[in-house]
Amino acid sequence: MITTFATERIAIWRPTSFVLDGAAVSATLPASGQPPRSSIVEVEVYDVDGTGPASGTVTVVGSLDGDPVSEALSISVGGFAQTVARLDSITEFEFSGGLLSASPAPYARARAIGPGGEPQPLAALVVEGWPAHIEDAHVGWTGGAEGMDPRASPSALIDYAETWAPAIGDVLVSDSGTEYLVRGVRVQRSPTRPIHWTVYLAERGDSL
């Protein structure tokens, strides 16, 4: 296992605009993230298990500049709805009507968007305290042979897991607080070595 010679315990963060991850509809669902700035909230209700047609209301509850804000949206399975109001903090999503009686339950998710519809990215924690070995000076050659046009870039060796996986665009944070942008991910499989990920990194210049 990579753990036996790990030199760091890392955290991995992933940019996302979702403030409600996909979850089965119930009377109340708590927000799973917060907008990075005041944003419109777009809610989607969708079917993953064979739910028939159903409709109801979702109320987005939160605040703007410390003042309470809530807005009720009519929505059907397979549809989207957006708030008119902006929110900078979201407490919960309240569902009512036929969405609660539908069987099996539909799913809902929501994201923070700008007035032009552009996603408002926030950082979601994927994993923390995970052992890894970071190599600060992995050298490769772009000229097709060793010694021709050398390029040095950091990489990390991480134990494989079934419950999560690194992805291009993630941010890897080391014990020391150094931040790396994930540029590539490769699963390494071998009959003589433990399965693991080799993650190719670029150090973020503003992380020191």
N, C-alpha and C. Protein backbone atom coordinates (compact mmCIF):
# COMPACT_ATOMS: atom_id res chain seq x y z
N MET A 1 0.83 -1.20 0.00
CA MET A 1 0.00 0.00 0.00
C MET A 1 0.87 1.25 0.00
N ILE A 2 0.37 2.29 -0.69
CA ILE A 2 1.07 3.57 -0.71
C ILE A 2 1.18 4.12 0.72
N THR A 3 0.21 3.78 1.56
CA THR A 3 0.19 4.27 2.94
C THR A 3 1.49 3.98 3.67
N THR A 4 2.15 2.88 3.34
CA THR A 4 3.35 2.49 4.08
C THR A 4 4.50 3.46 3.88
N PHE A 5 4.52 4.20 2.77
CA PHE A 5 5.58 5.21 2.62
C PHE A 5 5.00 6.59 2.32
N ALA A 6 3.77 6.81 2.76
CA ALA A 6 3.15 8.13 2.58
C ALA A 6 3.92 9.19 3.36
N THR A 7 4.04 10.36 2.76
CA THR A 7 4.74 11.47 3.40
C THR A 7 3.79 12.60 3.80
N GLU A 8 2.53 12.50 3.40
CA GLU A 8 1.57 13.57 3.67
C GLU A 8 0.21 12.96 3.99
N ARG A 9 -0.62 13.75 4.65
CA ARG A 9 -2.05 13.47 4.69
C ARG A 9 -2.73 14.65 4.00
N ILE A 10 -3.45 14.35 2.96
CA ILE A 10 -3.93 15.40 2.08
C ILE A 10 -5.43 15.60 2.22
N ALA A 11 -5.88 16.74 1.72
CA ALA A 11 -7.30 17.00 1.52
C ALA A 11 -7.50 17.29 0.05
N ILE A 12 -8.63 16.89 -0.48
CA ILE A 12 -8.96 17.18 -1.87
C ILE A 12 -10.29 17.91 -1.91
N TRP A 13 -10.26 19.06 -2.60
CA TRP A 13 -11.45 19.89 -2.76
C TRP A 13 -11.86 19.91 -4.22
N ARG A 14 -13.16 19.99 -4.48
CA ARG A 14 -13.65 19.96 -5.86
C ARG A 14 -14.56 21.17 -6.11
N PRO A 15 -14.29 21.93 -7.17
CA PRO A 15 -15.18 23.05 -7.49
C PRO A 15 -16.54 22.54 -7.94
N THR A 16 -17.59 23.17 -7.43
CA THR A 16 -18.95 22.79 -7.79
C THR A 16 -19.85 24.00 -7.60
N SER A 17 -20.96 24.05 -8.30
CA SER A 17 -21.93 25.12 -8.08
C SER A 17 -23.16 24.61 -7.34
N PHE A 18 -23.16 23.31 -6.96
CA PHE A 18 -24.34 22.75 -6.32
C PHE A 18 -24.39 23.09 -4.84
N VAL A 19 -25.52 23.63 -4.42
CA VAL A 19 -25.76 23.93 -3.00
C VAL A 19 -26.70 22.90 -2.38
N LEU A 20 -27.25 22.02 -3.23
CA LEU A 20 -28.00 20.85 -2.78
C LEU A 20 -27.60 19.70 -3.69
N ASP A 21 -26.89 18.73 -3.12
CA ASP A 21 -26.52 17.56 -3.89
C ASP A 21 -27.76 16.70 -4.13
N GLY A 22 -27.70 15.86 -5.17
CA GLY A 22 -28.84 15.03 -5.49
C GLY A 22 -29.30 14.20 -4.30
N ALA A 23 -30.56 14.34 -3.91
CA ALA A 23 -31.09 13.62 -2.76
C ALA A 23 -32.58 13.37 -2.98
N ALA A 24 -33.09 12.28 -2.41
CA ALA A 24 -34.51 11.96 -2.52
C ALA A 24 -35.34 13.06 -1.84
N VAL A 25 -36.40 13.46 -2.52
CA VAL A 25 -37.25 14.53 -1.99
C VAL A 25 -37.91 14.10 -0.69
N SER A 26 -37.87 14.98 0.30
CA SER A 26 -38.60 14.80 1.55
C SER A 26 -39.13 16.17 1.95
N ALA A 27 -39.83 16.24 3.07
CA ALA A 27 -40.44 17.51 3.47
C ALA A 27 -39.40 18.63 3.58
N THR A 28 -38.22 18.28 4.09
CA THR A 28 -37.15 19.27 4.25
C THR A 28 -35.82 18.64 3.91
N LEU A 29 -35.03 19.34 3.10
CA LEU A 29 -33.66 18.92 2.81
C LEU A 29 -32.73 20.07 3.17
N PRO A 30 -31.70 19.84 3.99
CA PRO A 30 -30.76 20.91 4.33
C PRO A 30 -29.84 21.20 3.15
N ALA A 31 -29.38 22.43 3.08
CA ALA A 31 -28.41 22.79 2.05
C ALA A 31 -27.12 22.01 2.26
N SER A 32 -26.50 21.59 1.17
CA SER A 32 -25.22 20.86 1.27
C SER A 32 -24.03 21.76 0.98
N GLY A 33 -24.28 23.01 0.61
CA GLY A 33 -23.22 23.98 0.37
C GLY A 33 -23.81 25.37 0.37
N GLN A 34 -22.93 26.37 0.36
CA GLN A 34 -23.38 27.75 0.39
C GLN A 34 -22.84 28.51 -0.82
N PRO A 35 -23.63 29.43 -1.36
CA PRO A 35 -23.14 30.22 -2.50
C PRO A 35 -21.90 31.01 -2.12
N PRO A 36 -20.95 31.16 -3.05
CA PRO A 36 -19.76 31.96 -2.73
C PRO A 36 -20.05 33.46 -2.71
N ARG A 37 -21.17 33.84 -3.27
CA ARG A 37 -21.61 35.25 -3.31
C ARG A 37 -23.13 35.23 -3.48
N SER A 38 -23.78 36.36 -3.38
CA SER A 38 -25.23 36.37 -3.54
C SER A 38 -25.59 35.83 -4.92
N SER A 39 -26.51 34.89 -4.94
CA SER A 39 -26.80 34.16 -6.17
C SER A 39 -28.28 33.84 -6.28
N ILE A 40 -28.72 33.64 -7.51
CA ILE A 40 -30.01 33.03 -7.78
C ILE A 40 -29.86 31.53 -7.54
N VAL A 41 -30.93 30.87 -7.12
CA VAL A 41 -30.88 29.43 -6.88
C VAL A 41 -31.76 28.72 -7.91
N GLU A 42 -31.17 27.77 -8.60
CA GLU A 42 -31.89 26.98 -9.61
C GLU A 42 -32.10 25.57 -9.06
N VAL A 43 -33.35 25.14 -8.98
CA VAL A 43 -33.70 23.83 -8.44
C VAL A 43 -34.15 22.93 -9.58
N GLU A 44 -33.70 21.68 -9.55
CA GLU A 44 -34.13 20.68 -10.51
C GLU A 44 -34.72 19.49 -9.74
N VAL A 45 -35.86 19.00 -10.19
CA VAL A 45 -36.45 17.76 -9.66
C VAL A 45 -36.41 16.74 -10.78
N TYR A 46 -35.86 15.58 -10.52
CA TYR A 46 -35.65 14.61 -11.59
C TYR A 46 -35.96 13.20 -11.11
N ASP A 47 -36.11 12.29 -12.05
CA ASP A 47 -36.50 10.92 -11.78
C ASP A 47 -35.31 10.00 -11.98
N VAL A 48 -35.04 9.15 -11.00
CA VAL A 48 -33.96 8.16 -11.15
C VAL A 48 -34.46 6.74 -10.96
N ASP A 49 -35.70 6.56 -10.46
CA ASP A 49 -36.19 5.22 -10.12
C ASP A 49 -37.52 4.87 -10.78
N GLY A 50 -37.97 5.66 -11.73
CA GLY A 50 -39.24 5.34 -12.38
C GLY A 50 -40.42 6.10 -11.84
N THR A 51 -40.21 7.24 -11.22
CA THR A 51 -41.30 8.07 -10.73
C THR A 51 -42.15 8.56 -11.89
N GLY A 52 -43.48 8.51 -11.72
CA GLY A 52 -44.37 9.04 -12.74
C GLY A 52 -44.50 10.55 -12.63
N PRO A 53 -45.38 11.15 -13.44
CA PRO A 53 -45.58 12.60 -13.40
C PRO A 53 -46.04 13.05 -12.01
N ALA A 54 -45.45 14.11 -11.54
CA ALA A 54 -45.83 14.68 -10.24
C ALA A 54 -45.38 16.13 -10.21
N SER A 55 -46.06 16.92 -9.44
CA SER A 55 -45.70 18.32 -9.32
C SER A 55 -45.97 18.79 -7.90
N GLY A 56 -45.42 19.92 -7.56
CA GLY A 56 -45.60 20.46 -6.23
C GLY A 56 -44.85 21.76 -6.09
N THR A 57 -44.44 22.06 -4.88
CA THR A 57 -43.77 23.32 -4.57
C THR A 57 -42.49 23.05 -3.80
N VAL A 58 -41.45 23.80 -4.15
CA VAL A 58 -40.23 23.79 -3.36
C VAL A 58 -39.99 25.22 -2.89
N THR A 59 -39.77 25.38 -1.60
CA THR A 59 -39.50 26.70 -1.03
C THR A 59 -38.04 26.76 -0.63
N VAL A 60 -37.34 27.72 -1.20
CA VAL A 60 -35.92 27.93 -0.88
C VAL A 60 -35.86 28.91 0.29
N VAL A 61 -35.22 28.49 1.38
CA VAL A 61 -35.19 29.29 2.61
C VAL A 61 -33.75 29.68 2.91
N GLY A 62 -33.52 30.96 3.14
CA GLY A 62 -32.17 31.42 3.44
C GLY A 62 -32.18 32.87 3.84
N SER A 63 -31.13 33.59 3.46
CA SER A 63 -31.03 35.00 3.83
C SER A 63 -30.19 35.76 2.82
N LEU A 64 -30.30 37.07 2.86
CA LEU A 64 -29.47 37.97 2.06
C LEU A 64 -29.09 39.14 2.95
N ASP A 65 -27.79 39.35 3.12
CA ASP A 65 -27.28 40.41 3.99
C ASP A 65 -27.86 40.32 5.39
N GLY A 66 -28.10 39.09 5.86
CA GLY A 66 -28.60 38.88 7.20
C GLY A 66 -30.11 38.94 7.35
N ASP A 67 -30.82 39.32 6.29
CA ASP A 67 -32.28 39.39 6.35
C ASP A 67 -32.88 38.11 5.79
N PRO A 68 -33.91 37.56 6.44
CA PRO A 68 -34.52 36.31 5.97
C PRO A 68 -35.07 36.45 4.55
N VAL A 69 -34.89 35.40 3.76
CA VAL A 69 -35.42 35.34 2.40
C VAL A 69 -35.99 33.95 2.18
N SER A 70 -37.19 33.87 1.63
CA SER A 70 -37.74 32.58 1.22
C SER A 70 -38.57 32.82 -0.04
N GLU A 71 -38.55 31.84 -0.93
CA GLU A 71 -39.30 31.96 -2.17
C GLU A 71 -39.83 30.59 -2.56
N ALA A 72 -41.14 30.53 -2.84
CA ALA A 72 -41.79 29.28 -3.22
C ALA A 72 -41.82 29.16 -4.75
N LEU A 73 -41.43 27.99 -5.25
CA LEU A 73 -41.36 27.74 -6.68
C LEU A 73 -42.23 26.55 -7.04
N SER A 74 -43.05 26.70 -8.07
CA SER A 74 -43.81 25.56 -8.59
C SER A 74 -42.90 24.76 -9.50
N ILE A 75 -42.92 23.43 -9.35
CA ILE A 75 -41.99 22.60 -10.12
C ILE A 75 -42.58 21.21 -10.31
N SER A 76 -42.24 20.58 -11.42
CA SER A 76 -42.68 19.23 -11.74
C SER A 76 -41.47 18.33 -11.91
N VAL A 77 -41.68 17.02 -11.78
CA VAL A 77 -40.61 16.08 -12.03
C VAL A 77 -40.12 16.24 -13.46
N GLY A 78 -38.81 16.37 -13.62
CA GLY A 78 -38.22 16.60 -14.93
C GLY A 78 -38.07 18.07 -15.28
N GLY A 79 -38.39 18.95 -14.33
CA GLY A 79 -38.35 20.38 -14.61
C GLY A 79 -37.36 21.14 -13.74
N PHE A 80 -37.17 22.41 -14.11
CA PHE A 80 -36.29 23.34 -13.40
C PHE A 80 -37.12 24.54 -12.95
N ALA A 81 -36.68 25.21 -11.89
CA ALA A 81 -37.27 26.47 -11.47
C ALA A 81 -36.18 27.31 -10.82
N GLN A 82 -36.25 28.63 -11.02
CA GLN A 82 -35.25 29.54 -10.47
C GLN A 82 -35.90 30.58 -9.59
N THR A 83 -35.20 30.95 -8.53
CA THR A 83 -35.69 32.04 -7.70
C THR A 83 -35.51 33.37 -8.43
N VAL A 84 -36.34 34.31 -8.09
CA VAL A 84 -36.14 35.69 -8.53
C VAL A 84 -35.20 36.38 -7.56
N ALA A 85 -35.39 36.08 -6.29
CA ALA A 85 -34.55 36.68 -5.24
C ALA A 85 -33.16 36.06 -5.26
N ARG A 86 -32.20 36.84 -4.83
CA ARG A 86 -30.85 36.33 -4.60
C ARG A 86 -30.68 35.99 -3.13
N LEU A 87 -29.83 35.00 -2.89
CA LEU A 87 -29.52 34.60 -1.52
C LEU A 87 -28.02 34.47 -1.38
N ASP A 88 -27.49 34.85 -0.22
CA ASP A 88 -26.07 34.60 0.04
C ASP A 88 -25.88 33.52 1.10
N SER A 89 -26.99 33.04 1.67
CA SER A 89 -26.95 31.92 2.61
C SER A 89 -28.23 31.12 2.42
N ILE A 90 -28.10 29.79 2.41
CA ILE A 90 -29.25 28.92 2.22
C ILE A 90 -29.35 27.99 3.43
N THR A 91 -30.52 27.92 4.03
CA THR A 91 -30.75 27.07 5.19
C THR A 91 -31.28 25.71 4.77
N GLU A 92 -32.37 25.70 3.97
CA GLU A 92 -33.01 24.44 3.62
C GLU A 92 -33.91 24.61 2.40
N PHE A 93 -34.37 23.47 1.93
CA PHE A 93 -35.33 23.40 0.84
C PHE A 93 -36.55 22.63 1.36
N GLU A 94 -37.73 23.23 1.26
CA GLU A 94 -38.95 22.62 1.77
C GLU A 94 -39.83 22.20 0.59
N PHE A 95 -40.27 20.94 0.58
CA PHE A 95 -41.06 20.40 -0.52
C PHE A 95 -42.48 20.11 -0.04
N SER A 96 -43.44 20.27 -0.95
CA SER A 96 -44.83 20.00 -0.61
C SER A 96 -45.57 19.57 -1.87
N GLY A 97 -46.84 19.19 -1.69
CA GLY A 97 -47.68 18.80 -2.82
C GLY A 97 -47.39 17.39 -3.28
N GLY A 98 -47.64 17.16 -4.56
CA GLY A 98 -47.51 15.83 -5.13
C GLY A 98 -46.10 15.28 -5.13
N LEU A 99 -45.10 16.14 -4.95
CA LEU A 99 -43.72 15.66 -4.92
C LEU A 99 -43.48 14.75 -3.71
N LEU A 100 -44.24 14.98 -2.63
CA LEU A 100 -44.05 14.17 -1.43
C LEU A 100 -44.80 12.83 -1.50
N SER A 101 -45.87 12.78 -2.30
CA SER A 101 -46.66 11.55 -2.38
C SER A 101 -46.22 10.66 -3.54
N ALA A 102 -45.36 11.16 -4.42
CA ALA A 102 -44.91 10.36 -5.56
C ALA A 102 -44.10 9.16 -5.07
N SER A 103 -44.25 8.03 -5.73
CA SER A 103 -43.53 6.82 -5.35
C SER A 103 -43.07 6.09 -6.61
N PRO A 104 -41.74 5.75 -6.65
CA PRO A 104 -40.71 6.12 -5.68
C PRO A 104 -40.44 7.62 -5.69
N ALA A 105 -39.82 8.10 -4.64
CA ALA A 105 -39.60 9.54 -4.49
C ALA A 105 -38.70 10.08 -5.60
N PRO A 106 -39.05 11.21 -6.19
CA PRO A 106 -38.12 11.86 -7.12
C PRO A 106 -36.93 12.41 -6.36
N TYR A 107 -35.93 12.84 -7.10
CA TYR A 107 -34.74 13.44 -6.51
C TYR A 107 -34.69 14.92 -6.83
N ALA A 108 -33.96 15.66 -6.03
CA ALA A 108 -33.81 17.10 -6.25
C ALA A 108 -32.36 17.51 -6.05
N ARG A 109 -31.97 18.52 -6.78
CA ARG A 109 -30.66 19.15 -6.58
C ARG A 109 -30.81 20.62 -6.94
N ALA A 110 -29.88 21.43 -6.46
CA ALA A 110 -29.96 22.87 -6.70
C ALA A 110 -28.56 23.43 -6.83
N ARG A 111 -28.43 24.47 -7.64
CA ARG A 111 -27.13 25.10 -7.81
C ARG A 111 -27.27 26.61 -7.74
N ALA A 112 -26.17 27.26 -7.40
CA ALA A 112 -26.10 28.72 -7.36
C ALA A 112 -25.67 29.23 -8.72
N ILE A 113 -26.42 30.17 -9.26
CA ILE A 113 -26.09 30.74 -10.57
C ILE A 113 -26.13 32.26 -10.51
N GLY A 114 -25.44 32.90 -11.45
CA GLY A 114 -25.46 34.34 -11.56
C GLY A 114 -26.66 34.80 -12.34
N PRO A 115 -26.86 36.12 -12.46
CA PRO A 115 -28.03 36.65 -13.18
C PRO A 115 -28.05 36.28 -14.65
N GLY A 116 -26.88 35.95 -15.20
CA GLY A 116 -26.82 35.53 -16.60
C GLY A 116 -26.88 34.03 -16.78
N GLY A 117 -27.06 33.29 -15.68
CA GLY A 117 -27.14 31.84 -15.75
C GLY A 117 -25.81 31.14 -15.57
N GLU A 118 -24.74 31.90 -15.33
CA GLU A 118 -23.43 31.28 -15.18
C GLU A 118 -23.29 30.64 -13.79
N PRO A 119 -22.72 29.43 -13.69
CA PRO A 119 -22.54 28.78 -12.39
C PRO A 119 -21.64 29.61 -11.48
N GLN A 120 -21.97 29.60 -10.19
CA GLN A 120 -21.17 30.29 -9.18
C GLN A 120 -20.40 29.23 -8.40
N PRO A 121 -19.11 29.03 -8.70
CA PRO A 121 -18.40 27.89 -8.12
C PRO A 121 -18.05 28.08 -6.65
N LEU A 122 -18.20 26.99 -5.89
CA LEU A 122 -17.74 26.92 -4.52
C LEU A 122 -16.89 25.66 -4.40
N ALA A 123 -16.24 25.47 -3.27
CA ALA A 123 -15.36 24.32 -3.09
C ALA A 123 -16.02 23.30 -2.16
N ALA A 124 -16.14 22.06 -2.64
CA ALA A 124 -16.71 20.98 -1.83
C ALA A 124 -15.59 20.02 -1.43
N LEU A 125 -15.57 19.64 -0.15
CA LEU A 125 -14.56 18.72 0.34
C LEU A 125 -14.87 17.31 -0.12
N VAL A 126 -13.92 16.68 -0.83
CA VAL A 126 -14.08 15.31 -1.29
C VAL A 126 -13.58 14.34 -0.24
N VAL A 127 -12.37 14.59 0.29
CA VAL A 127 -11.77 13.72 1.30
C VAL A 127 -10.71 14.52 2.04
N GLU A 128 -10.46 14.18 3.30
CA GLU A 128 -9.38 14.80 4.04
C GLU A 128 -8.71 13.77 4.93
N GLY A 129 -7.45 14.05 5.28
CA GLY A 129 -6.69 13.13 6.10
C GLY A 129 -6.29 11.87 5.38
N TRP A 130 -6.28 11.90 4.04
CA TRP A 130 -5.96 10.70 3.25
C TRP A 130 -4.45 10.63 3.02
N PRO A 131 -3.82 9.48 3.30
CA PRO A 131 -2.37 9.39 3.12
C PRO A 131 -1.97 9.41 1.65
N ALA A 132 -0.86 10.08 1.37
CA ALA A 132 -0.35 10.17 0.00
C ALA A 132 1.15 10.44 0.06
N HIS A 133 1.81 10.12 -1.04
CA HIS A 133 3.23 10.45 -1.20
C HIS A 133 3.35 11.47 -2.32
N ILE A 134 3.86 12.65 -1.99
CA ILE A 134 4.00 13.73 -2.98
C ILE A 134 5.44 13.82 -3.42
N GLU A 135 5.65 13.77 -4.72
CA GLU A 135 6.98 13.95 -5.30
C GLU A 135 7.02 15.34 -5.92
N ASP A 136 7.88 16.19 -5.39
CA ASP A 136 7.91 17.58 -5.83
C ASP A 136 8.62 17.79 -7.16
N ALA A 137 9.43 16.84 -7.58
CA ALA A 137 10.26 17.07 -8.79
C ALA A 137 10.22 15.85 -9.70
N HIS A 138 9.03 15.45 -10.11
CA HIS A 138 8.91 14.38 -11.10
C HIS A 138 9.30 14.95 -12.46
N VAL A 139 10.28 14.35 -13.12
CA VAL A 139 10.80 14.89 -14.37
C VAL A 139 10.32 14.04 -15.54
N GLY A 140 9.84 14.72 -16.58
CA GLY A 140 9.47 14.05 -17.83
C GLY A 140 10.12 14.77 -18.99
N TRP A 141 10.05 14.18 -20.18
CA TRP A 141 10.68 14.77 -21.37
C TRP A 141 9.67 14.85 -22.49
N THR A 142 9.52 16.06 -23.04
CA THR A 142 8.54 16.26 -24.11
C THR A 142 9.15 16.05 -25.48
N GLY A 143 10.47 15.91 -25.55
CA GLY A 143 11.11 15.77 -26.85
C GLY A 143 11.17 14.35 -27.37
N GLY A 144 10.59 13.39 -26.65
CA GLY A 144 10.56 12.02 -27.13
C GLY A 144 11.69 11.16 -26.63
N ALA A 145 12.67 11.75 -25.97
CA ALA A 145 13.79 10.97 -25.43
C ALA A 145 14.33 11.67 -24.20
N GLU A 146 14.92 10.88 -23.30
CA GLU A 146 15.48 11.45 -22.09
C GLU A 146 16.55 12.47 -22.43
N GLY A 147 16.49 13.61 -21.76
CA GLY A 147 17.47 14.66 -21.99
C GLY A 147 17.02 15.72 -22.96
N MET A 148 15.91 15.47 -23.67
CA MET A 148 15.42 16.45 -24.64
C MET A 148 14.20 17.17 -24.07
N ASP A 149 14.34 18.47 -23.87
CA ASP A 149 13.26 19.31 -23.38
C ASP A 149 12.67 18.78 -22.07
N PRO A 150 13.46 18.74 -21.00
CA PRO A 150 12.94 18.22 -19.73
C PRO A 150 11.90 19.15 -19.12
N ARG A 151 10.91 18.56 -18.52
CA ARG A 151 9.88 19.30 -17.80
C ARG A 151 9.72 18.67 -16.43
N ALA A 152 9.79 19.48 -15.38
CA ALA A 152 9.63 18.98 -14.02
C ALA A 152 8.27 19.41 -13.48
N SER A 153 7.54 18.47 -12.91
CA SER A 153 6.25 18.79 -12.32
C SER A 153 6.00 17.86 -11.15
N PRO A 154 5.28 18.33 -10.14
CA PRO A 154 5.00 17.47 -8.99
C PRO A 154 3.94 16.43 -9.33
N SER A 155 3.94 15.34 -8.57
CA SER A 155 2.92 14.31 -8.70
C SER A 155 2.67 13.71 -7.32
N ALA A 156 1.60 12.99 -7.20
CA ALA A 156 1.26 12.35 -5.93
C ALA A 156 0.83 10.91 -6.19
N LEU A 157 1.23 10.02 -5.29
CA LEU A 157 0.79 8.63 -5.32
C LEU A 157 -0.21 8.46 -4.19
N ILE A 158 -1.40 7.96 -4.53
CA ILE A 158 -2.50 7.90 -3.57
C ILE A 158 -3.11 6.51 -3.63
N ASP A 159 -3.35 5.92 -2.46
CA ASP A 159 -4.03 4.63 -2.40
C ASP A 159 -5.39 4.70 -3.08
N TYR A 160 -5.70 3.67 -3.84
CA TYR A 160 -6.98 3.57 -4.53
C TYR A 160 -8.11 3.36 -3.53
N ALA A 161 -9.29 3.90 -3.85
CA ALA A 161 -10.47 3.72 -3.00
C ALA A 161 -11.69 3.51 -3.89
N GLU A 162 -12.66 2.77 -3.40
CA GLU A 162 -13.91 2.57 -4.12
C GLU A 162 -14.92 3.67 -3.84
N THR A 163 -14.72 4.43 -2.79
CA THR A 163 -15.71 5.40 -2.34
C THR A 163 -15.51 6.80 -2.91
N TRP A 164 -14.35 7.08 -3.48
CA TRP A 164 -14.10 8.39 -4.07
C TRP A 164 -12.96 8.26 -5.07
N ALA A 165 -12.80 9.27 -5.91
CA ALA A 165 -11.70 9.27 -6.88
C ALA A 165 -11.30 10.71 -7.17
N PRO A 166 -10.00 10.98 -7.30
CA PRO A 166 -9.57 12.33 -7.72
C PRO A 166 -9.99 12.59 -9.15
N ALA A 167 -10.15 13.85 -9.49
CA ALA A 167 -10.58 14.22 -10.84
C ALA A 167 -9.81 15.45 -11.30
N ILE A 168 -9.64 15.57 -12.60
CA ILE A 168 -8.98 16.76 -13.16
C ILE A 168 -9.77 18.00 -12.74
N GLY A 169 -9.05 19.01 -12.28
CA GLY A 169 -9.68 20.23 -11.80
C GLY A 169 -9.80 20.30 -10.29
N ASP A 170 -9.62 19.17 -9.60
CA ASP A 170 -9.63 19.18 -8.14
C ASP A 170 -8.44 19.99 -7.61
N VAL A 171 -8.54 20.40 -6.36
CA VAL A 171 -7.43 21.05 -5.67
C VAL A 171 -6.97 20.13 -4.54
N LEU A 172 -5.69 19.74 -4.57
CA LEU A 172 -5.08 18.90 -3.54
C LEU A 172 -4.32 19.81 -2.59
N VAL A 173 -4.59 19.67 -1.28
CA VAL A 173 -3.94 20.50 -0.27
C VAL A 173 -3.12 19.60 0.64
N SER A 174 -1.82 19.90 0.76
CA SER A 174 -0.92 19.09 1.58
C SER A 174 -1.00 19.51 3.04
N ASP A 175 -0.32 18.73 3.90
CA ASP A 175 -0.25 19.05 5.33
C ASP A 175 0.28 20.45 5.58
N SER A 176 1.22 20.88 4.74
CA SER A 176 1.85 22.18 4.92
C SER A 176 0.99 23.33 4.42
N GLY A 177 -0.13 23.00 3.76
CA GLY A 177 -1.00 24.03 3.23
C GLY A 177 -0.73 24.37 1.77
N THR A 178 0.27 23.74 1.17
CA THR A 178 0.55 23.98 -0.24
C THR A 178 -0.60 23.42 -1.08
N GLU A 179 -1.05 24.18 -2.06
CA GLU A 179 -2.17 23.79 -2.89
C GLU A 179 -1.69 23.42 -4.29
N TYR A 180 -2.23 22.32 -4.80
CA TYR A 180 -1.90 21.85 -6.14
C TYR A 180 -3.19 21.67 -6.94
N LEU A 181 -3.14 22.03 -8.21
CA LEU A 181 -4.25 21.78 -9.11
C LEU A 181 -4.02 20.44 -9.79
N VAL A 182 -5.02 19.57 -9.77
CA VAL A 182 -4.91 18.25 -10.39
C VAL A 182 -5.04 18.41 -11.91
N ARG A 183 -3.97 18.00 -12.62
CA ARG A 183 -3.92 18.11 -14.08
C ARG A 183 -4.14 16.79 -14.79
N GLY A 184 -3.97 15.69 -14.07
CA GLY A 184 -4.15 14.38 -14.69
C GLY A 184 -4.26 13.31 -13.62
N VAL A 185 -4.99 12.25 -13.93
CA VAL A 185 -5.18 11.14 -12.99
C VAL A 185 -5.05 9.84 -13.77
N ARG A 186 -4.24 8.94 -13.24
CA ARG A 186 -4.08 7.63 -13.88
C ARG A 186 -4.15 6.55 -12.82
N VAL A 187 -4.99 5.53 -13.06
CA VAL A 187 -5.06 4.38 -12.18
C VAL A 187 -3.93 3.43 -12.55
N GLN A 188 -3.10 3.07 -11.58
CA GLN A 188 -1.97 2.18 -11.81
C GLN A 188 -2.32 0.78 -11.31
N ARG A 189 -2.38 -0.16 -12.24
CA ARG A 189 -2.69 -1.55 -11.89
C ARG A 189 -1.51 -2.42 -12.30
N SER A 190 -1.12 -3.33 -11.41
CA SER A 190 0.03 -4.18 -11.67
C SER A 190 -0.11 -5.46 -10.83
N PRO A 191 0.33 -6.61 -11.37
CA PRO A 191 0.28 -7.84 -10.56
C PRO A 191 1.28 -7.84 -9.41
N THR A 192 2.23 -6.91 -9.42
CA THR A 192 3.27 -6.90 -8.37
C THR A 192 3.22 -5.67 -7.47
N ARG A 193 2.36 -4.70 -7.80
CA ARG A 193 2.27 -3.49 -6.98
C ARG A 193 0.82 -3.26 -6.57
N PRO A 194 0.58 -2.61 -5.45
CA PRO A 194 -0.80 -2.33 -5.06
C PRO A 194 -1.44 -1.34 -6.04
N ILE A 195 -2.73 -1.49 -6.29
CA ILE A 195 -3.43 -0.55 -7.14
C ILE A 195 -3.43 0.83 -6.47
N HIS A 196 -3.16 1.86 -7.25
CA HIS A 196 -3.13 3.21 -6.69
C HIS A 196 -3.33 4.21 -7.82
N TRP A 197 -3.52 5.45 -7.44
CA TRP A 197 -3.59 6.53 -8.42
C TRP A 197 -2.25 7.25 -8.48
N THR A 198 -1.82 7.59 -9.68
CA THR A 198 -0.78 8.59 -9.88
C THR A 198 -1.49 9.86 -10.32
N VAL A 199 -1.32 10.91 -9.55
CA VAL A 199 -2.02 12.17 -9.80
C VAL A 199 -0.99 13.21 -10.21
N TYR A 200 -1.14 13.78 -11.38
CA TYR A 200 -0.21 14.78 -11.91
C TYR A 200 -0.70 16.17 -11.50
N LEU A 201 0.22 16.97 -10.96
CA LEU A 201 -0.15 18.20 -10.28
C LEU A 201 0.54 19.42 -10.88
N ALA A 202 -0.02 20.57 -10.61
CA ALA A 202 0.63 21.86 -10.85
C ALA A 202 0.42 22.70 -9.60
N GLU A 203 1.51 23.20 -9.02
CA GLU A 203 1.38 23.99 -7.80
C GLU A 203 0.69 25.31 -8.10
N ARG A 204 -0.27 25.65 -7.26
CA ARG A 204 -0.96 26.92 -7.43
C ARG A 204 -0.08 28.03 -6.90
N GLY A 205 0.12 29.07 -7.70
CA GLY A 205 1.08 30.10 -7.35
C GLY A 205 0.70 30.95 -6.17
N ASP A 206 -0.58 30.96 -5.79
CA ASP A 206 -1.02 31.81 -4.67
C ASP A 206 -1.20 31.00 -3.39
N SER A 207 -0.61 29.80 -3.32
CA SER A 207 -0.88 28.95 -2.17
C SER A 207 0.10 29.11 -1.04
N LEU A 208 1.20 29.80 -1.26
CA LEU A 208 2.22 29.91 -0.21
C LEU A 208 1.91 31.06 0.73
